[in-house]
Amino acid sequence: MWLLKASELKRSVFAIQLFLDLAPAISSVFDCFFDRLFAYVLLLGLVTNFVILAACNASAILGCVRHILRR
């Protein structure tokens, strides 16, 4: 279970890093306001995905800690 969560987190971080590396190239090829706006909306979506995944991991960790403390 934890390995799956860790791999999802690594994929999200990799996707964000990849997008940050590609965003300047994309905006230079399509030097237009709407293309940049699309790039930033896509970045916002990736960051939102990362935050939701981090919140789910925190919730799972807290659930495990509560279970251990109840014993």
Protein backbone atom coordinates (compact mmCIF):
# COMPACT_ATOMS: atom_id res chain seq x y z
CA MET A 1 0.00 0.00 0.00
CA TRP A 2 2.73 2.46 0.94
CA LEU A 3 4.81 1.58 -2.10
CA LEU A 4 1.85 2.38 -4.32
CA LYS A 5 1.35 5.74 -2.61
CA ALA A 6 5.07 6.52 -2.87
CA SER A 7 5.11 5.66 -6.57
CA GLU A 8 2.06 7.88 -7.18
CA LEU A 9 3.78 10.72 -5.36
CA LYS A 10 6.95 10.22 -7.43
CA ARG A 11 4.90 10.25 -10.65
CA SER A 12 3.18 13.49 -9.63
CA VAL A 13 6.49 15.14 -8.78
CA PHE A 14 8.00 13.90 -12.05
CA ALA A 15 5.02 15.24 -14.01
CA ILE A 16 5.34 18.65 -12.38
CA GLN A 17 9.09 18.78 -12.99
CA LEU A 18 8.62 17.68 -16.59
CA PHE A 19 5.97 20.32 -17.16
CA LEU A 20 8.12 23.05 -15.60
CA ASP A 21 10.96 22.02 -17.92
CA LEU A 22 8.70 22.00 -20.98
CA ALA A 23 6.60 25.10 -20.22
CA PRO A 24 9.22 27.63 -21.50
CA ALA A 25 9.68 25.64 -24.71
CA ILE A 26 5.93 25.42 -25.21
CA SER A 27 5.43 29.14 -24.60
CA SER A 28 8.31 30.07 -26.91
CA VAL A 29 6.91 27.96 -29.75
CA PHE A 30 3.37 29.28 -29.23
CA ASP A 31 4.08 32.85 -28.17
CA CYS A 32 0.48 33.80 -27.56
CA PHE A 33 -1.49 34.91 -24.49
CA PHE A 34 -4.01 32.07 -24.66
CA ASP A 35 -1.32 29.43 -25.05
CA ARG A 36 0.46 30.73 -21.96
CA LEU A 37 -2.85 30.87 -20.14
CA PHE A 38 -3.45 27.22 -21.08
CA ALA A 39 0.03 26.29 -19.86
CA TYR A 40 -0.59 27.95 -16.48
CA VAL A 41 -4.03 26.33 -16.14
CA LEU A 42 -2.41 22.96 -16.84
CA LEU A 43 0.26 23.71 -14.24
CA LEU A 44 -2.46 24.64 -11.75
CA GLY A 45 -4.14 21.30 -12.43
CA LEU A 46 -0.91 19.40 -11.81
CA VAL A 47 -0.25 21.29 -8.57
CA THR A 48 -3.83 20.63 -7.45
CA ASN A 49 -3.33 16.93 -8.17
CA PHE A 50 -0.12 16.97 -6.11
CA VAL A 51 -1.85 18.72 -3.16
CA ILE A 52 -4.76 16.27 -3.20
CA LEU A 53 -2.38 13.31 -3.31
CA ALA A 54 -0.36 14.76 -0.41
CA ALA A 55 -3.57 15.28 1.60
CA CYS A 56 -4.63 11.68 0.95
CA ASN A 57 -1.24 10.42 2.10
CA ALA A 58 -1.46 12.55 5.25
CA SER A 59 -4.95 11.20 5.94
CA ALA A 60 -3.76 7.61 5.50
CA ILE A 61 -0.79 8.20 7.82
CA LEU A 62 -3.02 9.77 10.48
CA GLY A 63 -5.43 6.83 10.20
CA CYS A 64 -2.57 4.38 10.78
CA VAL A 65 -1.28 6.39 13.74
CA ARG A 66 -4.77 6.45 15.31
CA HIS A 67 -5.09 2.70 14.79
CA ILE A 68 -1.72 2.08 16.45
CA LEU A 69 -2.50 4.40 19.38
CA ARG A 70 -5.83 2.65 20.05
CA ARG A 71 -4.05 -0.65 20.70
